[in-house]
Amino acid sequence: MSAVPTRPSAPAEEQSQRRLGGVSALFEKNGRVVLAFIILAVLLVIYIERVPQFGAREQRSVVNQGLALATASFGQTVVILTGGIDLSVGSIIGLTNSVASRITTDDSMSRVWVAGFACLFIGAICGLVNGLIVAYGRLQPIIVTLATTSVYAGIALYVRPTPAGDFPFEATQYWTGSMAFRDWPRGAVWLVLLVGIWLVFRRTRLATSIVAIGSSEGAAFMSGLNVIRAKILAYTISGTAAGAAGFYLTAQTGNGNALSGQTYMLNTIAAVVLGGANLAGGAGTYLGTVAGAYIIALIPRVLFFYDVSQFYQELLQGLVLLAAVGLGAIGVLRARNRLDK
């Protein structure tokens, strides 16, 4: 006589449902980050398949291509977590790139370090100015940073009216070359360092305050959080990251150009949103931002190997930017709908 199958006990069913619910909640929370890495992986596979030989040179080129954008997007991630936005990132990159090219000469390695610290300092000051105006002036961040964009761009043009500069070749090799160990791109070290800084930063009280402000500024204030201080520091971090990106861009290109940061203004926002952040604030991670930055960096390379004309390359990049902003807008609308209910 065959045994009658027994139905699982109620506690077992509840445990199974709880486990499935946990997996579902985890995917719902990180689904867009996972999607960003899937898209990045697909682009990498296509690119590697099209490149005749994906050796150390190509690996180094891919890492370097997106590193300046990933660096600048670090600060943009912090600002967007507060529910704000920083449109001045591009002009700060152009300004620090111009200043770095003025300081460095092709025969002095010591000047390279001076230029690096100068870029970080100038970027921090520019970000501090943005933060002070946004926090104490209680103005919309998009208006404030759009206005300071013109100011910083004007200073950059004064510093470097025409593209030029002398950056030591040895320094370029150091910052953008390969390591002795297996010819791995040194840019990967800087990228891992940025991720490490993010993981440490995410565990600080400042990061908790920033996320709380982005989720609900009023509730954060009523909870006793220093909203003004957190906003000022968020924009200061954004400016510092943009200054670091400006220095790296100088090392990568070997010269300075006041207009070099124009594409970064929207690309940093797109990278953050593609990486799963919510433009309304309160949700996002730099790990997703890195994936978004390299998606944007890889698209032109993939299109180039498919012989797509320059016009259509810009068209498709524009569509990607539009899709990224659209994803962020969906998050904002969902948040508003929940509040309306």
Protein backbone atom coordinates (compact mmCIF):
# COMPACT_ATOMS: atom_id res chain seq x y z
CA MET A 1 0.00 0.00 0.00
CA SER A 2 1.53 3.31 -1.12
CA ALA A 3 2.07 6.03 1.37
CA VAL A 4 -0.12 9.09 1.10
CA PRO A 5 2.04 12.20 0.59
CA THR A 6 1.80 14.50 3.52
CA ARG A 7 1.31 18.18 3.15
CA PRO A 8 4.11 20.35 4.49
CA SER A 9 3.43 21.74 7.92
CA ALA A 10 2.22 25.33 8.26
CA PRO A 11 5.51 26.57 9.75
CA ALA A 12 7.39 25.08 6.77
CA GLU A 13 5.04 26.83 4.32
CA GLU A 14 5.41 30.11 6.17
CA GLN A 15 9.19 29.78 6.15
CA SER A 16 9.20 29.06 2.41
CA GLN A 17 6.94 32.04 1.69
CA ARG A 18 9.08 34.25 3.90
CA ARG A 19 12.19 33.15 2.01
CA LEU A 20 10.56 33.82 -1.37
CA GLY A 21 9.30 37.15 -0.12
CA GLY A 22 12.81 38.07 1.01
CA VAL A 23 14.29 37.20 -2.38
CA SER A 24 11.53 39.16 -4.12
CA ALA A 25 12.10 42.19 -1.89
CA LEU A 26 15.86 41.99 -2.45
CA PHE A 27 15.41 41.87 -6.22
CA GLU A 28 12.88 44.70 -6.13
CA LYS A 29 15.34 46.82 -4.17
CA ASN A 30 18.40 46.00 -6.29
CA GLY A 31 16.80 44.99 -9.58
CA ARG A 32 17.93 48.07 -11.49
CA VAL A 33 21.49 47.68 -10.23
CA VAL A 34 21.50 44.06 -11.40
CA LEU A 35 20.03 45.16 -14.74
CA ALA A 36 22.81 47.74 -15.15
CA PHE A 37 25.49 45.09 -14.64
CA ILE A 38 23.71 42.74 -17.07
CA ILE A 39 23.69 45.47 -19.74
CA LEU A 40 27.36 46.21 -19.03
CA ALA A 41 28.23 42.51 -19.32
CA VAL A 42 26.39 42.24 -22.66
CA LEU A 43 28.22 45.30 -24.02
CA LEU A 44 31.56 43.90 -22.87
CA VAL A 45 30.89 40.54 -24.54
CA ILE A 46 29.93 42.26 -27.80
CA TYR A 47 32.98 44.52 -27.64
CA ILE A 48 35.41 41.68 -26.86
CA GLU A 49 33.91 39.63 -29.69
CA ARG A 50 34.39 42.47 -32.18
CA VAL A 51 37.91 43.50 -31.12
CA PRO A 52 40.55 41.45 -32.98
CA GLN A 53 42.66 40.91 -29.86
CA PHE A 54 41.44 41.97 -26.43
CA GLY A 55 44.85 42.22 -24.81
CA ALA A 56 46.39 44.44 -22.14
CA ARG A 57 46.23 47.53 -24.34
CA GLU A 58 42.49 47.22 -24.98
CA GLN A 59 41.79 46.38 -21.35
CA ARG A 60 43.68 49.48 -20.27
CA SER A 61 41.86 51.60 -22.83
CA VAL A 62 38.40 50.44 -21.68
CA VAL A 63 39.16 51.03 -18.00
CA ASN A 64 40.63 54.48 -18.64
CA GLN A 65 37.79 55.50 -20.95
CA GLY A 66 35.19 55.36 -18.21
CA LEU A 67 37.27 56.18 -15.14
CA ALA A 68 36.95 59.97 -15.26
CA LEU A 69 33.17 59.63 -15.63
CA ALA A 70 33.01 57.06 -12.82
CA THR A 71 35.07 59.36 -10.58
CA ALA A 72 32.90 62.41 -11.20
CA SER A 73 29.76 60.30 -10.78
CA PHE A 74 30.84 59.39 -7.23
CA GLY A 75 29.97 62.90 -6.09
CA GLN A 76 26.86 63.08 -8.25
CA THR A 77 25.62 59.90 -6.53
CA VAL A 78 26.00 61.54 -3.12
CA VAL A 79 24.13 64.67 -4.24
CA ILE A 80 21.29 62.74 -5.88
CA LEU A 81 20.89 60.71 -2.69
CA THR A 82 19.94 64.01 -0.98
CA GLY A 83 17.27 64.60 -3.62
CA GLY A 84 19.37 67.30 -5.30
CA ILE A 85 21.34 67.50 -8.51
CA ASP A 86 24.69 69.02 -9.46
CA LEU A 87 24.86 70.47 -12.97
CA SER A 88 28.18 72.17 -12.27
CA VAL A 89 30.18 68.92 -12.31
CA GLY A 90 31.18 69.39 -15.95
CA SER A 91 32.38 72.96 -15.51
CA ILE A 92 34.36 72.00 -12.38
CA ILE A 93 36.07 69.27 -14.41
CA GLY A 94 36.88 71.80 -17.14
CA LEU A 95 38.20 74.28 -14.56
CA THR A 96 40.43 71.79 -12.73
CA ASN A 97 41.62 70.31 -16.02
CA SER A 98 42.66 73.82 -17.10
CA VAL A 99 44.36 74.59 -13.79
CA ALA A 100 46.25 71.27 -13.79
CA SER A 101 47.52 71.89 -17.32
CA ARG A 102 48.78 75.31 -16.22
CA ILE A 103 50.69 73.95 -13.23
CA THR A 104 52.37 70.94 -14.83
CA THR A 105 55.38 70.98 -17.11
CA ASP A 106 56.78 68.13 -19.19
CA ASP A 107 60.01 67.96 -17.15
CA SER A 108 58.78 68.15 -13.54
CA MET A 109 57.13 65.23 -11.74
CA SER A 110 56.81 67.20 -8.49
CA ARG A 111 54.45 69.64 -10.18
CA VAL A 112 52.10 66.76 -10.97
CA TRP A 113 51.39 66.22 -7.26
CA VAL A 114 50.92 69.97 -6.78
CA ALA A 115 48.42 69.92 -9.64
CA GLY A 116 46.60 66.95 -8.10
CA PHE A 117 46.16 68.64 -4.72
CA ALA A 118 45.20 71.89 -6.43
CA CYS A 119 42.45 70.10 -8.38
CA LEU A 120 41.05 68.51 -5.22
CA PHE A 121 41.16 71.83 -3.35
CA ILE A 122 39.54 73.84 -6.15
CA GLY A 123 36.88 71.20 -6.66
CA ALA A 124 36.10 71.16 -2.93
CA ILE A 125 35.80 74.97 -2.85
CA CYS A 126 33.46 74.97 -5.86
CA GLY A 127 31.34 72.26 -4.26
CA LEU A 128 31.33 74.13 -0.95
CA VAL A 129 30.02 77.25 -2.68
CA ASN A 130 27.24 75.21 -4.27
CA GLY A 131 26.35 73.63 -0.94
CA LEU A 132 26.29 76.91 0.97
CA ILE A 133 23.96 78.53 -1.56
CA VAL A 134 21.65 75.50 -1.72
CA ALA A 135 21.55 74.96 2.04
CA TYR A 136 21.40 78.51 3.37
CA GLY A 137 19.70 80.13 0.37
CA ARG A 138 17.09 77.33 0.27
CA LEU A 139 17.12 77.51 -3.50
CA GLN A 140 16.51 74.70 -5.97
CA PRO A 141 19.79 72.83 -6.59
CA ILE A 142 19.18 72.69 -10.34
CA ILE A 143 18.97 76.49 -10.51
CA VAL A 144 21.96 77.08 -8.23
CA THR A 145 24.28 74.65 -9.98
CA LEU A 146 23.16 75.82 -13.42
CA ALA A 147 24.17 79.36 -12.43
CA THR A 148 27.51 78.33 -10.93
CA THR A 149 28.19 76.28 -14.06
CA SER A 150 28.50 79.53 -16.02
CA VAL A 151 30.75 81.04 -13.34
CA TYR A 152 33.15 78.09 -13.19
CA ALA A 153 33.17 77.76 -16.99
CA GLY A 154 34.06 81.45 -17.31
CA ILE A 155 36.97 81.06 -14.87
CA ALA A 156 38.16 77.99 -16.79
CA LEU A 157 38.19 79.95 -20.05
CA TYR A 158 40.18 82.71 -18.35
CA VAL A 159 42.74 80.16 -17.08
CA ARG A 160 42.97 78.25 -20.37
CA PRO A 161 41.58 80.28 -23.32
CA THR A 162 42.83 77.70 -25.83
CA PRO A 163 43.54 73.97 -25.39
CA ALA A 164 47.20 73.40 -24.47
CA GLY A 165 49.45 72.00 -21.78
CA ASP A 166 52.52 69.93 -20.96
CA PHE A 167 51.95 66.86 -18.79
CA PRO A 168 54.94 64.59 -18.10
CA PHE A 169 54.78 61.39 -20.11
CA GLU A 170 56.04 59.40 -17.12
CA ALA A 171 53.10 60.68 -15.04
CA THR A 172 50.66 59.77 -17.79
CA GLN A 173 52.08 56.27 -17.84
CA TYR A 174 51.81 56.05 -14.07
CA TRP A 175 48.16 57.14 -13.85
CA THR A 176 46.82 55.50 -17.01
CA GLY A 177 49.31 52.70 -17.77
CA SER A 178 49.56 49.08 -16.72
CA MET A 179 50.90 47.53 -13.54
CA ALA A 180 53.90 45.23 -13.64
CA PHE A 181 51.73 42.41 -12.28
CA ARG A 182 50.22 40.65 -15.31
CA ASP A 183 49.91 43.95 -17.19
CA TRP A 184 46.66 44.79 -15.41
CA PRO A 185 45.44 48.36 -16.01
CA ARG A 186 46.39 50.65 -13.13
CA GLY A 187 43.08 52.45 -13.58
CA ALA A 188 41.43 49.36 -12.08
CA VAL A 189 43.29 50.11 -8.84
CA TRP A 190 41.85 53.64 -8.72
CA LEU A 191 38.39 52.21 -9.44
CA VAL A 192 38.67 49.65 -6.63
CA LEU A 193 39.89 52.45 -4.35
CA LEU A 194 36.79 54.52 -5.17
CA VAL A 195 34.52 51.57 -4.44
CA GLY A 196 36.35 51.00 -1.15
CA ILE A 197 35.91 54.66 -0.19
CA TRP A 198 32.19 54.33 -0.97
CA LEU A 199 31.81 51.21 1.20
CA VAL A 200 33.46 53.02 4.12
CA PHE A 201 31.48 56.22 3.48
CA ARG A 202 28.18 54.29 3.36
CA ARG A 203 28.71 53.22 6.98
CA THR A 204 29.17 56.77 8.29
CA ARG A 205 26.57 58.92 10.04
CA LEU A 206 26.90 61.46 7.23
CA ALA A 207 25.78 58.90 4.65
CA THR A 208 22.84 57.91 6.85
CA SER A 209 21.84 61.56 7.16
CA ILE A 210 22.13 62.08 3.40
CA VAL A 211 19.88 59.11 2.64
CA ALA A 212 17.39 60.23 5.28
CA ILE A 213 17.26 63.74 3.79
CA GLY A 214 16.62 62.29 0.33
CA SER A 215 13.86 60.06 1.67
CA SER A 216 12.12 62.86 3.59
CA GLU A 217 13.85 66.10 4.44
CA GLY A 218 11.13 67.13 6.86
CA ALA A 219 11.29 63.86 8.76
CA ALA A 220 15.09 64.05 8.84
CA PHE A 221 14.92 67.55 10.34
CA MET A 222 12.34 66.49 12.93
CA SER A 223 14.60 63.56 13.85
CA GLY A 224 17.32 66.00 14.85
CA LEU A 225 19.60 65.54 11.85
CA ASN A 226 21.69 68.53 10.76
CA VAL A 227 20.19 68.94 7.29
CA ILE A 228 22.20 72.05 6.38
CA ARG A 229 25.53 70.46 7.31
CA ALA A 230 24.74 67.25 5.41
CA LYS A 231 23.78 69.15 2.25
CA ILE A 232 26.90 71.31 2.35
CA LEU A 233 29.12 68.26 2.77
CA ALA A 234 27.30 66.39 -0.02
CA TYR A 235 27.99 69.16 -2.54
CA THR A 236 31.56 69.54 -1.26
CA ILE A 237 32.11 65.82 -1.89
CA SER A 238 30.65 66.24 -5.37
CA GLY A 239 33.02 69.11 -6.16
CA THR A 240 36.03 67.18 -4.81
CA ALA A 241 35.15 64.15 -6.95
CA ALA A 242 34.81 66.40 -10.00
CA GLY A 243 38.23 67.90 -9.22
CA ALA A 244 39.74 64.42 -9.05
CA ALA A 245 38.12 63.62 -12.40
CA GLY A 246 39.55 66.82 -13.87
CA PHE A 247 43.04 65.83 -12.76
CA TYR A 248 42.68 62.32 -14.14
CA LEU A 249 41.43 63.76 -17.43
CA THR A 250 44.59 65.90 -17.58
CA ALA A 251 46.75 62.82 -17.00
CA GLN A 252 44.81 60.91 -19.64
CA THR A 253 44.86 63.56 -22.39
CA GLY A 254 48.11 65.31 -21.50
CA ASN A 255 46.68 68.80 -21.89
CA GLY A 256 43.98 71.16 -20.66
CA ASN A 257 40.77 72.36 -22.26
CA ALA A 258 38.23 74.65 -20.60
CA LEU A 259 35.43 72.88 -22.48
CA SER A 260 36.61 69.35 -21.66
CA GLY A 261 33.91 68.79 -19.06
CA GLN A 262 30.85 69.66 -21.12
CA THR A 263 29.73 66.07 -21.71
CA TYR A 264 30.07 65.19 -18.03
CA MET A 265 27.23 67.43 -16.88
CA LEU A 266 24.50 65.09 -18.17
CA ASN A 267 26.56 61.91 -18.38
CA THR A 268 27.15 61.83 -14.61
CA ILE A 269 23.42 62.12 -14.00
CA ALA A 270 22.72 59.40 -16.58
CA ALA A 271 25.35 57.11 -15.01
CA VAL A 272 23.81 57.50 -11.57
CA VAL A 273 20.25 56.88 -12.80
CA LEU A 274 21.30 53.96 -15.02
CA GLY A 275 22.93 52.50 -11.92
CA GLY A 276 19.59 52.34 -10.14
CA ALA A 277 19.45 55.60 -8.18
CA ASN A 278 16.20 57.49 -7.72
CA LEU A 279 16.22 61.12 -8.86
CA ALA A 280 13.82 61.87 -6.00
CA GLY A 281 16.62 60.91 -3.58
CA GLY A 282 17.00 58.40 -0.79
CA ALA A 283 17.97 55.40 -2.94
CA GLY A 284 21.11 54.58 -4.88
CA THR A 285 24.54 52.98 -4.72
CA TYR A 286 27.89 53.82 -6.25
CA LEU A 287 28.34 50.22 -7.38
CA GLY A 288 25.44 50.71 -9.77
CA THR A 289 26.84 54.09 -10.79
CA VAL A 290 30.10 52.45 -11.86
CA ALA A 291 28.14 50.10 -14.12
CA GLY A 292 26.20 53.05 -15.54
CA ALA A 293 29.38 55.02 -16.21
CA TYR A 294 30.99 52.17 -18.13
CA ILE A 295 27.79 51.51 -20.09
CA ILE A 296 27.95 55.10 -21.33
CA ALA A 297 31.69 54.76 -22.05
CA LEU A 298 31.31 51.48 -23.96
CA ILE A 299 28.38 52.41 -26.20
CA PRO A 300 30.46 54.60 -28.61
CA ARG A 301 33.15 51.89 -28.84
CA VAL A 302 30.65 49.18 -29.71
CA LEU A 303 28.94 51.39 -32.27
CA PHE A 304 32.31 52.27 -33.81
CA PHE A 305 33.13 48.62 -34.44
CA TYR A 306 29.74 48.21 -36.11
CA ASP A 307 30.59 51.11 -38.47
CA VAL A 308 27.77 53.30 -37.18
CA SER A 309 28.20 56.89 -38.35
CA GLN A 310 29.04 59.64 -35.88
CA PHE A 311 25.59 61.17 -36.30
CA TYR A 312 23.80 57.98 -35.30
CA GLN A 313 26.26 57.41 -32.47
CA GLU A 314 25.25 60.72 -30.91
CA LEU A 315 21.59 59.93 -31.59
CA LEU A 316 21.80 56.58 -29.79
CA GLN A 317 23.75 58.09 -26.91
CA GLY A 318 21.04 60.72 -26.61
CA LEU A 319 18.39 58.01 -26.51
CA VAL A 320 20.31 56.26 -23.73
CA LEU A 321 20.43 59.51 -21.74
CA LEU A 322 16.70 60.01 -22.33
CA ALA A 323 15.97 56.45 -21.20
CA ALA A 324 18.09 56.96 -18.07
CA VAL A 325 16.28 60.18 -17.14
CA GLY A 326 12.97 58.45 -17.92
CA LEU A 327 13.80 55.65 -15.48
CA GLY A 328 14.57 58.25 -12.83
CA ALA A 329 11.32 60.09 -13.55
CA ILE A 330 9.36 56.85 -13.11
CA GLY A 331 10.85 56.53 -9.63
CA VAL A 332 9.85 60.12 -8.80
CA LEU A 333 6.28 59.56 -10.04
CA ARG A 334 5.95 56.36 -8.02
CA ALA A 335 7.09 58.16 -4.89
CA ARG A 336 4.60 60.96 -5.49
CA ASN A 337 1.77 58.51 -6.11
CA ARG A 338 2.51 56.78 -2.80
CA LEU A 339 2.37 60.15 -1.03
CA ASP A 340 -0.92 61.04 -2.75
CA LYS A 341 -2.49 57.84 -1.48
